[in-house]
Amino acid sequence: LQYTDESWLWKLETIRRTGQGSTYYAYTGGFEYTFYGVVQS
């Protein structure tokens, strides 16, 4: 999943795996915020 809101990027990856030991879930999620033209550059 990825959601774009102007300078914000919200991201998520998640998996469900079976067959390698017990069934398990894992995820990575977060954001990236971009400052454009920092210090007038």
PDB file of all heavy atoms in Angstrom:
ATOM      1  N   LEU A   1       0.841  -1.191   0.000  1.00  0.00           N
ATOM      2  CA  LEU A   1       0.000   0.000   0.000  1.00  0.00           C
ATOM      3  C   LEU A   1       0.876   1.242   0.000  1.00  0.00           C
ATOM      4  O   LEU A   1       1.895   1.282   0.705  1.00  0.00           O
ATOM      5  CB  LEU A   1      -0.899   0.045   1.245  1.00  0.00           C
ATOM      6  CG  LEU A   1      -2.029  -0.968   1.366  1.00  0.00           C
ATOM      7  CD1 LEU A   1      -2.700  -0.829   2.734  1.00  0.00           C
ATOM      8  CD2 LEU A   1      -3.052  -0.762   0.257  1.00  0.00           C
ATOM      9  N   GLN A   2       0.491   2.236  -0.784  1.00  0.00           N
ATOM     10  CA  GLN A   2       1.173   3.522  -0.747  1.00  0.00           C
ATOM     11  C   GLN A   2       0.149   4.633  -0.956  1.00  0.00           C
ATOM     12  O   GLN A   2      -0.642   4.586  -1.906  1.00  0.00           O
ATOM     13  CB  GLN A   2       2.270   3.614  -1.804  1.00  0.00           C
ATOM     14  CG  GLN A   2       3.012   4.952  -1.794  1.00  0.00           C
ATOM     15  CD  GLN A   2       4.266   4.933  -2.651  1.00  0.00           C
ATOM     16  OE1 GLN A   2       5.284   4.375  -2.278  1.00  0.00           O
ATOM     17  NE2 GLN A   2       4.190   5.547  -3.827  1.00  0.00           N
ATOM     18  N   TYR A   3       0.167   5.610  -0.077  1.00  0.00           N
ATOM     19  CA  TYR A   3      -0.747   6.749  -0.161  1.00  0.00           C
ATOM     20  C   TYR A   3       0.072   8.026  -0.301  1.00  0.00           C
ATOM     21  O   TYR A   3       0.996   8.273   0.479  1.00  0.00           O
ATOM     22  CB  TYR A   3      -1.620   6.834   1.091  1.00  0.00           C
ATOM     23  CG  TYR A   3      -2.517   8.052   1.128  1.00  0.00           C
ATOM     24  CD1 TYR A   3      -3.607   8.159   0.268  1.00  0.00           C
ATOM     25  CD2 TYR A   3      -2.267   9.101   2.015  1.00  0.00           C
ATOM     26  CE1 TYR A   3      -4.425   9.271   0.286  1.00  0.00           C
ATOM     27  CE2 TYR A   3      -3.082  10.224   2.041  1.00  0.00           C
ATOM     28  CZ  TYR A   3      -4.157  10.294   1.176  1.00  0.00           C
ATOM     29  OH  TYR A   3      -4.972  11.408   1.187  1.00  0.00           O
ATOM     30  N   THR A   4      -0.237   8.828  -1.315  1.00  0.00           N
ATOM     31  CA  THR A   4       0.483  10.065  -1.593  1.00  0.00           C
ATOM     32  C   THR A   4      -0.398  11.255  -1.246  1.00  0.00           C
ATOM     33  O   THR A   4      -1.526  11.372  -1.742  1.00  0.00           O
ATOM     34  CB  THR A   4       0.895  10.142  -3.076  1.00  0.00           C
ATOM     35  OG1 THR A   4       1.642   8.978  -3.422  1.00  0.00           O
ATOM     36  CG2 THR A   4       1.737  11.379  -3.333  1.00  0.00           C
ATOM     37  N   ASP A   5       0.124  12.136  -0.386  1.00  0.00           N
ATOM     38  CA  ASP A   5      -0.606  13.338   0.020  1.00  0.00           C
ATOM     39  C   ASP A   5       0.370  14.507   0.010  1.00  0.00           C
ATOM     40  O   ASP A   5       1.017  14.799   1.010  1.00  0.00           O
ATOM     41  CB  ASP A   5      -1.226  13.146   1.410  1.00  0.00           C
ATOM     42  CG  ASP A   5      -2.019  14.369   1.861  1.00  0.00           C
ATOM     43  OD1 ASP A   5      -2.339  15.225   1.006  1.00  0.00           O
ATOM     44  OD2 ASP A   5      -2.303  14.480   3.077  1.00  0.00           O
ATOM     45  N   GLU A   6       0.481  15.153  -1.171  1.00  0.00           N
ATOM     46  CA  GLU A   6       1.411  16.251  -1.370  1.00  0.00           C
ATOM     47  C   GLU A   6       2.822  15.829  -0.964  1.00  0.00           C
ATOM     48  O   GLU A   6       3.423  14.987  -1.606  1.00  0.00           O
ATOM     49  CB  GLU A   6       0.930  17.492  -0.617  1.00  0.00           C
ATOM     50  CG  GLU A   6      -0.396  18.022  -1.147  1.00  0.00           C
ATOM     51  CD  GLU A   6      -0.858  19.271  -0.442  1.00  0.00           C
ATOM     52  OE1 GLU A   6      -0.304  19.605   0.629  1.00  0.00           O
ATOM     53  OE2 GLU A   6      -1.784  19.935  -0.950  1.00  0.00           O
ATOM     54  N   SER A   7       3.384  16.356   0.119  1.00  0.00           N
ATOM     55  CA  SER A   7       4.760  16.042   0.505  1.00  0.00           C
ATOM     56  C   SER A   7       4.871  14.732   1.289  1.00  0.00           C
ATOM     57  O   SER A   7       5.996  14.303   1.601  1.00  0.00           O
ATOM     58  CB  SER A   7       5.346  17.182   1.349  1.00  0.00           C
ATOM     59  OG  SER A   7       5.389  18.384   0.605  1.00  0.00           O
ATOM     60  N   TRP A   8       3.751  14.083   1.596  1.00  0.00           N
ATOM     61  CA  TRP A   8       3.755  12.870   2.391  1.00  0.00           C
ATOM     62  C   TRP A   8       3.640  11.633   1.503  1.00  0.00           C
ATOM     63  O   TRP A   8       2.869  11.604   0.560  1.00  0.00           O
ATOM     64  CB  TRP A   8       2.592  12.849   3.378  1.00  0.00           C
ATOM     65  CG  TRP A   8       2.703  13.815   4.515  1.00  0.00           C
ATOM     66  CD1 TRP A   8       2.213  15.083   4.557  1.00  0.00           C
ATOM     67  CD2 TRP A   8       3.359  13.580   5.761  1.00  0.00           C
ATOM     68  NE1 TRP A   8       2.511  15.662   5.762  1.00  0.00           N
ATOM     69  CE2 TRP A   8       3.217  14.757   6.532  1.00  0.00           C
ATOM     70  CE3 TRP A   8       4.050  12.504   6.306  1.00  0.00           C
ATOM     71  CZ2 TRP A   8       3.732  14.875   7.813  1.00  0.00           C
ATOM     72  CZ3 TRP A   8       4.564  12.621   7.596  1.00  0.00           C
ATOM     73  CH2 TRP A   8       4.415  13.798   8.335  1.00  0.00           C
ATOM     74  N   LEU A   9       4.430  10.614   1.848  1.00  0.00           N
ATOM     75  CA  LEU A   9       4.266   9.272   1.297  1.00  0.00           C
ATOM     76  C   LEU A   9       4.084   8.316   2.470  1.00  0.00           C
ATOM     77  O   LEU A   9       4.963   8.221   3.345  1.00  0.00           O
ATOM     78  CB  LEU A   9       5.490   8.846   0.480  1.00  0.00           C
ATOM     79  CG  LEU A   9       5.609   9.304  -0.968  1.00  0.00           C
ATOM     80  CD1 LEU A   9       6.923   8.773  -1.560  1.00  0.00           C
ATOM     81  CD2 LEU A   9       4.444   8.802  -1.794  1.00  0.00           C
ATOM     82  N   TRP A  10       2.945   7.622   2.509  1.00  0.00           N
ATOM     83  CA  TRP A  10       2.691   6.624   3.549  1.00  0.00           C
ATOM     84  C   TRP A  10       2.792   5.250   2.895  1.00  0.00           C
ATOM     85  O   TRP A  10       2.175   5.002   1.850  1.00  0.00           O
ATOM     86  CB  TRP A  10       1.323   6.826   4.175  1.00  0.00           C
ATOM     87  CG  TRP A  10       1.209   8.125   4.918  1.00  0.00           C
ATOM     88  CD1 TRP A  10       0.788   9.320   4.431  1.00  0.00           C
ATOM     89  CD2 TRP A  10       1.579   8.352   6.288  1.00  0.00           C
ATOM     90  NE1 TRP A  10       0.851  10.298   5.404  1.00  0.00           N
ATOM     91  CE2 TRP A  10       1.330   9.714   6.567  1.00  0.00           C
ATOM     92  CE3 TRP A  10       2.081   7.534   7.305  1.00  0.00           C
ATOM     93  CZ2 TRP A  10       1.571  10.281   7.812  1.00  0.00           C
ATOM     94  CZ3 TRP A  10       2.314   8.097   8.552  1.00  0.00           C
ATOM     95  CH2 TRP A  10       2.059   9.447   8.797  1.00  0.00           C
ATOM     96  N   LYS A  11       3.566   4.332   3.515  1.00  0.00           N
ATOM     97  CA  LYS A  11       3.893   3.060   2.868  1.00  0.00           C
ATOM     98  C   LYS A  11       3.664   1.890   3.818  1.00  0.00           C
ATOM     99  O   LYS A  11       3.861   2.006   5.029  1.00  0.00           O
ATOM    100  CB  LYS A  11       5.360   3.045   2.420  1.00  0.00           C
ATOM    101  CG  LYS A  11       5.782   4.247   1.582  1.00  0.00           C
ATOM    102  CD  LYS A  11       7.277   4.207   1.296  1.00  0.00           C
ATOM    103  CE  LYS A  11       7.746   5.431   0.528  1.00  0.00           C
ATOM    104  NZ  LYS A  11       9.192   5.353   0.196  1.00  0.00           N
ATOM    105  N   LEU A  12       3.284   0.742   3.222  1.00  0.00           N
ATOM    106  CA  LEU A  12       3.105  -0.476   4.012  1.00  0.00           C
ATOM    107  C   LEU A  12       3.363  -1.687   3.128  1.00  0.00           C
ATOM    108  O   LEU A  12       2.890  -1.757   1.997  1.00  0.00           O
ATOM    109  CB  LEU A  12       1.680  -0.562   4.569  1.00  0.00           C
ATOM    110  CG  LEU A  12       1.331  -1.871   5.293  1.00  0.00           C
ATOM    111  CD1 LEU A  12       2.111  -2.003   6.594  1.00  0.00           C
ATOM    112  CD2 LEU A  12      -0.168  -1.974   5.536  1.00  0.00           C
ATOM    113  N   GLU A  13       4.144  -2.639   3.667  1.00  0.00           N
ATOM    114  CA  GLU A  13       4.289  -3.976   3.098  1.00  0.00           C
ATOM    115  C   GLU A  13       4.014  -4.988   4.195  1.00  0.00           C
ATOM    116  O   GLU A  13       4.557  -4.858   5.300  1.00  0.00           O
ATOM    117  CB  GLU A  13       5.703  -4.214   2.539  1.00  0.00           C
ATOM    118  CG  GLU A  13       6.066  -3.383   1.339  1.00  0.00           C
ATOM    119  CD  GLU A  13       7.444  -3.752   0.792  1.00  0.00           C
ATOM    120  OE1 GLU A  13       7.800  -4.952   0.866  1.00  0.00           O
ATOM    121  OE2 GLU A  13       8.154  -2.857   0.311  1.00  0.00           O
ATOM    122  N   THR A  14       3.200  -5.984   3.901  1.00  0.00           N
ATOM    123  CA  THR A  14       2.921  -7.020   4.883  1.00  0.00           C
ATOM    124  C   THR A  14       2.797  -8.361   4.176  1.00  0.00           C
ATOM    125  O   THR A  14       2.353  -8.427   3.017  1.00  0.00           O
ATOM    126  CB  THR A  14       1.643  -6.713   5.685  1.00  0.00           C
ATOM    127  OG1 THR A  14       1.438  -7.729   6.665  1.00  0.00           O
ATOM    128  CG2 THR A  14       0.427  -6.624   4.784  1.00  0.00           C
ATOM    129  N   ILE A  15       3.224  -9.432   4.854  1.00  0.00           N
ATOM    130  CA  ILE A  15       3.149 -10.781   4.284  1.00  0.00           C
ATOM    131  C   ILE A  15       2.582 -11.754   5.300  1.00  0.00           C
ATOM    132  O   ILE A  15       2.677 -11.553   6.514  1.00  0.00           O
ATOM    133  CB  ILE A  15       4.526 -11.294   3.806  1.00  0.00           C
ATOM    134  CG1 ILE A  15       5.507 -11.403   4.985  1.00  0.00           C
ATOM    135  CG2 ILE A  15       5.085 -10.426   2.708  1.00  0.00           C
ATOM    136  CD1 ILE A  15       6.788 -12.150   4.656  1.00  0.00           C
ATOM    137  N   ARG A  16       2.005 -12.828   4.777  1.00  0.00           N
ATOM    138  CA  ARG A  16       1.622 -14.004   5.563  1.00  0.00           C
ATOM    139  C   ARG A  16       2.276 -15.205   4.881  1.00  0.00           C
ATOM    140  O   ARG A  16       2.069 -15.434   3.692  1.00  0.00           O
ATOM    141  CB  ARG A  16       0.105 -14.188   5.597  1.00  0.00           C
ATOM    142  CG  ARG A  16      -0.357 -15.447   6.341  1.00  0.00           C
ATOM    143  CD  ARG A  16      -1.868 -15.586   6.256  1.00  0.00           C
ATOM    144  NE  ARG A  16      -2.367 -16.701   7.050  1.00  0.00           N
ATOM    145  CZ  ARG A  16      -2.509 -17.951   6.589  1.00  0.00           C
ATOM    146  NH1 ARG A  16      -2.169 -18.229   5.325  1.00  0.00           N
ATOM    147  NH2 ARG A  16      -2.976 -18.907   7.363  1.00  0.00           N
ATOM    148  N   ARG A  17       3.092 -15.960   5.632  1.00  0.00           N
ATOM    149  CA  ARG A  17       3.824 -17.081   5.048  1.00  0.00           C
ATOM    150  C   ARG A  17       3.512 -18.372   5.798  1.00  0.00           C
ATOM    151  O   ARG A  17       3.508 -18.393   7.029  1.00  0.00           O
ATOM    152  CB  ARG A  17       5.324 -16.820   5.063  1.00  0.00           C
ATOM    153  CG  ARG A  17       6.150 -17.958   4.454  1.00  0.00           C
ATOM    154  CD  ARG A  17       7.637 -17.669   4.487  1.00  0.00           C
ATOM    155  NE  ARG A  17       8.011 -16.558   3.611  1.00  0.00           N
ATOM    156  CZ  ARG A  17       9.265 -16.194   3.384  1.00  0.00           C
ATOM    157  NH1 ARG A  17      10.264 -16.826   3.993  1.00  0.00           N
ATOM    158  NH2 ARG A  17       9.526 -15.182   2.570  1.00  0.00           N
ATOM    159  N   THR A  18       3.295 -19.441   5.038  1.00  0.00           N
ATOM    160  CA  THR A  18       3.135 -20.774   5.599  1.00  0.00           C
ATOM    161  C   THR A  18       4.161 -21.701   4.961  1.00  0.00           C
ATOM    162  O   THR A  18       4.579 -21.489   3.828  1.00  0.00           O
ATOM    163  CB  THR A  18       1.726 -21.330   5.347  1.00  0.00           C
ATOM    164  OG1 THR A  18       1.518 -21.463   3.923  1.00  0.00           O
ATOM    165  CG2 THR A  18       0.652 -20.411   5.915  1.00  0.00           C
ATOM    166  N   GLY A  19       4.563 -22.739   5.718  1.00  0.00           N
ATOM    167  CA  GLY A  19       5.458 -23.743   5.170  1.00  0.00           C
ATOM    168  C   GLY A  19       6.880 -23.668   5.672  1.00  0.00           C
ATOM    169  O   GLY A  19       7.645 -24.608   5.515  1.00  0.00           O
ATOM    170  N   GLN A  20       7.254 -22.548   6.289  1.00  0.00           N
ATOM    171  CA  GLN A  20       8.601 -22.399   6.829  1.00  0.00           C
ATOM    172  C   GLN A  20       8.469 -22.274   8.350  1.00  0.00           C
ATOM    173  O   GLN A  20       8.580 -21.209   8.921  1.00  0.00           O
ATOM    174  CB  GLN A  20       9.313 -21.185   6.232  1.00  0.00           C
ATOM    175  CG  GLN A  20      10.808 -21.166   6.491  1.00  0.00           C
ATOM    176  CD  GLN A  20      11.529 -20.196   5.571  1.00  0.00           C
ATOM    177  OE1 GLN A  20      10.905 -19.306   4.984  1.00  0.00           O
ATOM    178  NE2 GLN A  20      12.830 -20.349   5.406  1.00  0.00           N
ATOM    179  N   GLY A  21       8.211 -23.414   8.991  1.00  0.00           N
ATOM    180  CA  GLY A  21       7.871 -23.392  10.402  1.00  0.00           C
ATOM    181  C   GLY A  21       6.403 -23.032  10.558  1.00  0.00           C
ATOM    182  O   GLY A  21       5.570 -23.277   9.674  1.00  0.00           O
ATOM    183  N   SER A  22       6.052 -22.437  11.677  1.00  0.00           N
ATOM    184  CA  SER A  22       4.676 -22.033  11.929  1.00  0.00           C
ATOM    185  C   SER A  22       4.289 -20.866  11.019  1.00  0.00           C
ATOM    186  O   SER A  22       5.130 -20.057  10.627  1.00  0.00           O
ATOM    187  CB  SER A  22       4.502 -21.620  13.392  1.00  0.00           C
ATOM    188  OG  SER A  22       4.846 -22.682  14.265  1.00  0.00           O
ATOM    189  N   THR A  23       3.002 -20.793  10.696  1.00  0.00           N
ATOM    190  CA  THR A  23       2.504 -19.655   9.915  1.00  0.00           C
ATOM    191  C   THR A  23       2.798 -18.358  10.662  1.00  0.00           C
ATOM    192  O   THR A  23       2.599 -18.268  11.876  1.00  0.00           O
ATOM    193  CB  THR A  23       0.999 -19.798   9.686  1.00  0.00           C
ATOM    194  OG1 THR A  23       0.743 -20.991   8.952  1.00  0.00           O
ATOM    195  CG2 THR A  23       0.453 -18.600   8.918  1.00  0.00           C
ATOM    196  N   TYR A  24       3.283 -17.356   9.941  1.00  0.00           N
ATOM    197  CA  TYR A  24       3.609 -16.099  10.611  1.00  0.00           C
ATOM    198  C   TYR A  24       3.277 -14.917   9.715  1.00  0.00           C
ATOM    199  O   TYR A  24       3.111 -15.046   8.498  1.00  0.00           O
ATOM    200  CB  TYR A  24       5.093 -16.059  11.014  1.00  0.00           C
ATOM    201  CG  TYR A  24       6.051 -15.846   9.871  1.00  0.00           C
ATOM    202  CD1 TYR A  24       6.476 -14.560   9.513  1.00  0.00           C
ATOM    203  CD2 TYR A  24       6.549 -16.911   9.126  1.00  0.00           C
ATOM    204  CE1 TYR A  24       7.364 -14.352   8.479  1.00  0.00           C
ATOM    205  CE2 TYR A  24       7.442 -16.718   8.086  1.00  0.00           C
ATOM    206  CZ  TYR A  24       7.843 -15.433   7.769  1.00  0.00           C
ATOM    207  OH  TYR A  24       8.704 -15.231   6.726  1.00  0.00           O
ATOM    208  N   TYR A  25       3.203 -13.751  10.370  1.00  0.00           N
ATOM    209  CA  TYR A  25       2.983 -12.479   9.689  1.00  0.00           C
ATOM    210  C   TYR A  25       4.188 -11.568   9.938  1.00  0.00           C
ATOM    211  O   TYR A  25       4.842 -11.649  10.977  1.00  0.00           O
ATOM    212  CB  TYR A  25       1.726 -11.784  10.215  1.00  0.00           C
ATOM    213  CG  TYR A  25       0.433 -12.494   9.892  1.00  0.00           C
ATOM    214  CD1 TYR A  25      -0.020 -13.530  10.708  1.00  0.00           C
ATOM    215  CD2 TYR A  25      -0.322 -12.130   8.788  1.00  0.00           C
ATOM    216  CE1 TYR A  25      -1.201 -14.189  10.426  1.00  0.00           C
ATOM    217  CE2 TYR A  25      -1.499 -12.785   8.490  1.00  0.00           C
ATOM    218  CZ  TYR A  25      -1.941 -13.812   9.314  1.00  0.00           C
ATOM    219  OH  TYR A  25      -3.115 -14.470   9.024  1.00  0.00           O
ATOM    220  N   ALA A  26       4.458 -10.703   8.981  1.00  0.00           N
ATOM    221  CA  ALA A  26       5.491  -9.688   9.141  1.00  0.00           C
ATOM    222  C   ALA A  26       5.056  -8.442   8.379  1.00  0.00           C
ATOM    223  O   ALA A  26       4.309  -8.535   7.395  1.00  0.00           O
ATOM    224  CB  ALA A  26       6.843 -10.184   8.621  1.00  0.00           C
ATOM    225  N   TYR A  27       5.484  -7.286   8.849  1.00  0.00           N
ATOM    226  CA  TYR A  27       5.141  -6.063   8.129  1.00  0.00           C
ATOM    227  C   TYR A  27       6.229  -5.016   8.308  1.00  0.00           C
ATOM    228  O   TYR A  27       7.003  -5.040   9.270  1.00  0.00           O
ATOM    229  CB  TYR A  27       3.787  -5.510   8.583  1.00  0.00           C
ATOM    230  CG  TYR A  27       3.733  -5.021  10.014  1.00  0.00           C
ATOM    231  CD1 TYR A  27       4.224  -3.766  10.373  1.00  0.00           C
ATOM    232  CD2 TYR A  27       3.173  -5.812  11.014  1.00  0.00           C
ATOM    233  CE1 TYR A  27       4.159  -3.314  11.667  1.00  0.00           C
ATOM    234  CE2 TYR A  27       3.117  -5.378  12.322  1.00  0.00           C
ATOM    235  CZ  TYR A  27       3.601  -4.123  12.646  1.00  0.00           C
ATOM    236  OH  TYR A  27       3.555  -3.689  13.951  1.00  0.00           O
ATOM    237  N   THR A  28       6.291  -4.111   7.352  1.00  0.00           N
ATOM    238  CA  THR A  28       7.119  -2.915   7.416  1.00  0.00           C
ATOM    239  C   THR A  28       6.255  -1.755   6.954  1.00  0.00           C
ATOM    240  O   THR A  28       5.648  -1.819   5.875  1.00  0.00           O
ATOM    241  CB  THR A  28       8.359  -3.026   6.513  1.00  0.00           C
ATOM    242  OG1 THR A  28       9.135  -4.153   6.905  1.00  0.00           O
ATOM    243  CG2 THR A  28       9.214  -1.771   6.617  1.00  0.00           C
ATOM    244  N   GLY A  29       6.184  -0.719   7.748  1.00  0.00           N
ATOM    245  CA  GLY A  29       5.333   0.406   7.383  1.00  0.00           C
ATOM    246  C   GLY A  29       5.862   1.706   7.943  1.00  0.00           C
ATOM    247  O   GLY A  29       6.576   1.722   8.954  1.00  0.00           O
ATOM    248  N   GLY A  30       5.522   2.809   7.263  1.00  0.00           N
ATOM    249  CA  GLY A  30       5.963   4.101   7.758  1.00  0.00           C
ATOM    250  C   GLY A  30       5.688   5.210   6.770  1.00  0.00           C
ATOM    251  O   GLY A  30       4.739   5.131   5.967  1.00  0.00           O
ATOM    252  N   PHE A  31       6.529   6.221   6.778  1.00  0.00           N
ATOM    253  CA  PHE A  31       6.277   7.416   5.976  1.00  0.00           C
ATOM    254  C   PHE A  31       7.581   7.992   5.458  1.00  0.00           C
ATOM    255  O   PHE A  31       8.673   7.675   5.931  1.00  0.00           O
ATOM    256  CB  PHE A  31       5.566   8.480   6.821  1.00  0.00           C
ATOM    257  CG  PHE A  31       6.440   9.070   7.899  1.00  0.00           C
ATOM    258  CD1 PHE A  31       7.242  10.175   7.646  1.00  0.00           C
ATOM    259  CD2 PHE A  31       6.473   8.504   9.169  1.00  0.00           C
ATOM    260  CE1 PHE A  31       8.059  10.715   8.630  1.00  0.00           C
ATOM    261  CE2 PHE A  31       7.290   9.034  10.165  1.00  0.00           C
ATOM    262  CZ  PHE A  31       8.082  10.139   9.895  1.00  0.00           C
ATOM    263  N   GLU A  32       7.445   8.879   4.467  1.00  0.00           N
ATOM    264  CA  GLU A  32       8.531   9.747   4.019  1.00  0.00           C
ATOM    265  C   GLU A  32       7.932  11.116   3.748  1.00  0.00           C
ATOM    266  O   GLU A  32       6.980  11.242   2.968  1.00  0.00           O
ATOM    267  CB  GLU A  32       9.222   9.204   2.776  1.00  0.00           C
ATOM    268  CG  GLU A  32      10.362  10.084   2.313  1.00  0.00           C
ATOM    269  CD  GLU A  32      11.222   9.445   1.231  1.00  0.00           C
ATOM    270  OE1 GLU A  32      11.012   8.248   0.924  1.00  0.00           O
ATOM    271  OE2 GLU A  32      12.103  10.140   0.683  1.00  0.00           O
ATOM    272  N   TYR A  33       8.477  12.133   4.404  1.00  0.00           N
ATOM    273  CA  TYR A  33       8.031  13.511   4.196  1.00  0.00           C
ATOM    274  C   TYR A  33       9.169  14.291   3.558  1.00  0.00           C
ATOM    275  O   TYR A  33      10.298  14.258   4.039  1.00  0.00           O
ATOM    276  CB  TYR A  33       7.631  14.180   5.515  1.00  0.00           C
ATOM    277  CG  TYR A  33       7.117  15.590   5.319  1.00  0.00           C
ATOM    278  CD1 TYR A  33       5.783  15.822   5.010  1.00  0.00           C
ATOM    279  CD2 TYR A  33       7.974  16.688   5.422  1.00  0.00           C
ATOM    280  CE1 TYR A  33       5.310  17.111   4.812  1.00  0.00           C
ATOM    281  CE2 TYR A  33       7.517  17.975   5.227  1.00  0.00           C
ATOM    282  CZ  TYR A  33       6.178  18.179   4.911  1.00  0.00           C
ATOM    283  OH  TYR A  33       5.712  19.461   4.705  1.00  0.00           O
ATOM    284  N   THR A  34       8.878  14.995   2.461  1.00  0.00           N
ATOM    285  CA  THR A  34       9.913  15.693   1.703  1.00  0.00           C
ATOM    286  C   THR A  34       9.760  17.205   1.838  1.00  0.00           C
ATOM    287  O   THR A  34       8.677  17.757   1.600  1.00  0.00           O
ATOM    288  CB  THR A  34       9.862  15.305   0.220  1.00  0.00           C
ATOM    289  OG1 THR A  34      10.036  13.897   0.102  1.00  0.00           O
ATOM    290  CG2 THR A  34      10.959  16.012  -0.556  1.00  0.00           C
ATOM    291  N   PHE A  35      10.844  17.855   2.235  1.00  0.00           N
ATOM    292  CA  PHE A  35      10.929  19.310   2.230  1.00  0.00           C
ATOM    293  C   PHE A  35      11.540  19.726   0.890  1.00  0.00           C
ATOM    294  O   PHE A  35      12.714  19.419   0.614  1.00  0.00           O
ATOM    295  CB  PHE A  35      11.812  19.812   3.379  1.00  0.00           C
ATOM    296  CG  PHE A  35      11.281  19.483   4.744  1.00  0.00           C
ATOM    297  CD1 PHE A  35      11.669  18.315   5.385  1.00  0.00           C
ATOM    298  CD2 PHE A  35      10.411  20.346   5.393  1.00  0.00           C
ATOM    299  CE1 PHE A  35      11.205  18.005   6.647  1.00  0.00           C
ATOM    300  CE2 PHE A  35       9.929  20.047   6.662  1.00  0.00           C
ATOM    301  CZ  PHE A  35      10.321  18.869   7.289  1.00  0.00           C
ATOM    302  N   TYR A  36      10.778  20.409   0.064  1.00  0.00           N
ATOM    303  CA  TYR A  36      11.252  20.811  -1.253  1.00  0.00           C
ATOM    304  C   TYR A  36      11.893  22.190  -1.182  1.00  0.00           C
ATOM    305  O   TYR A  36      11.393  23.109  -0.516  1.00  0.00           O
ATOM    306  CB  TYR A  36      10.093  20.838  -2.251  1.00  0.00           C
ATOM    307  CG  TYR A  36       9.486  19.478  -2.487  1.00  0.00           C
ATOM    308  CD1 TYR A  36       8.296  19.104  -1.852  1.00  0.00           C
ATOM    309  CD2 TYR A  36      10.092  18.558  -3.330  1.00  0.00           C
ATOM    310  CE1 TYR A  36       7.742  17.852  -2.067  1.00  0.00           C
ATOM    311  CE2 TYR A  36       9.549  17.306  -3.547  1.00  0.00           C
ATOM    312  CZ  TYR A  36       8.366  16.959  -2.909  1.00  0.00           C
ATOM    313  OH  TYR A  36       7.815  15.717  -3.118  1.00  0.00           O
ATOM    314  N   GLY A  37      13.055  22.330  -1.868  1.00  0.00           N
ATOM    315  CA  GLY A  37      13.739  23.616  -1.897  1.00  0.00           C
ATOM    316  C   GLY A  37      14.192  24.079  -0.527  1.00  0.00           C
ATOM    317  O   GLY A  37      13.904  25.214  -0.129  1.00  0.00           O
ATOM    318  N   VAL A  38      14.890  23.202   0.216  1.00  0.00           N
ATOM    319  CA  VAL A  38      15.289  23.542   1.584  1.00  0.00           C
ATOM    320  C   VAL A  38      16.253  24.719   1.568  1.00  0.00           C
ATOM    321  O   VAL A  38      17.084  24.879   0.658  1.00  0.00           O
ATOM    322  CB  VAL A  38      15.941  22.323   2.276  1.00  0.00           C
ATOM    323  CG1 VAL A  38      14.910  21.251   2.519  1.00  0.00           C
ATOM    324  CG2 VAL A  38      17.099  21.775   1.470  1.00  0.00           C
ATOM    325  N   VAL A  39      16.138  25.574   2.586  1.00  0.00           N
ATOM    326  CA  VAL A  39      16.920  26.810   2.761  1.00  0.00           C
ATOM    327  C   VAL A  39      17.060  27.570   1.444  1.00  0.00           C
ATOM    328  O   VAL A  39      18.139  28.013   1.061  1.00  0.00           O
ATOM    329  CB  VAL A  39      18.314  26.508   3.389  1.00  0.00           C
ATOM    330  CG1 VAL A  39      18.159  26.031   4.822  1.00  0.00           C
ATOM    331  CG2 VAL A  39      19.098  25.500   2.582  1.00  0.00           C
ATOM    332  N   GLN A  40      15.931  27.691   0.749  1.00  0.00           N
ATOM    333  CA  GLN A  40      15.828  28.458  -0.483  1.00  0.00           C
ATOM    334  C   GLN A  40      16.835  28.004  -1.546  1.00  0.00           C
ATOM    335  O   GLN A  40      17.401  28.819  -2.286  1.00  0.00           O
ATOM    336  CB  GLN A  40      16.024  29.956  -0.186  1.00  0.00           C
ATOM    337  CG  GLN A  40      14.954  30.522   0.737  1.00  0.00           C
ATOM    338  CD  GLN A  40      15.138  32.000   0.986  1.00  0.00           C
ATOM    339  OE1 GLN A  40      16.217  32.549   0.796  1.00  0.00           O
ATOM    340  NE2 GLN A  40      14.063  32.664   1.410  1.00  0.00           N
ATOM    341  N   SER A  41      17.041  26.695  -1.616  1.00  0.00           N
ATOM    342  CA  SER A  41      17.917  26.114  -2.630  1.00  0.00           C
ATOM    343  C   SER A  41      17.084  25.196  -3.517  1.00  0.00           C
ATOM    344  O   SER A  41      15.870  25.055  -3.340  1.00  0.00           O
ATOM    345  CB  SER A  41      19.053  25.323  -1.971  1.00  0.00           C
ATOM    346  OG  SER A  41      18.557  24.118  -1.391  1.00  0.00           O
TER     347      SER A  41
END
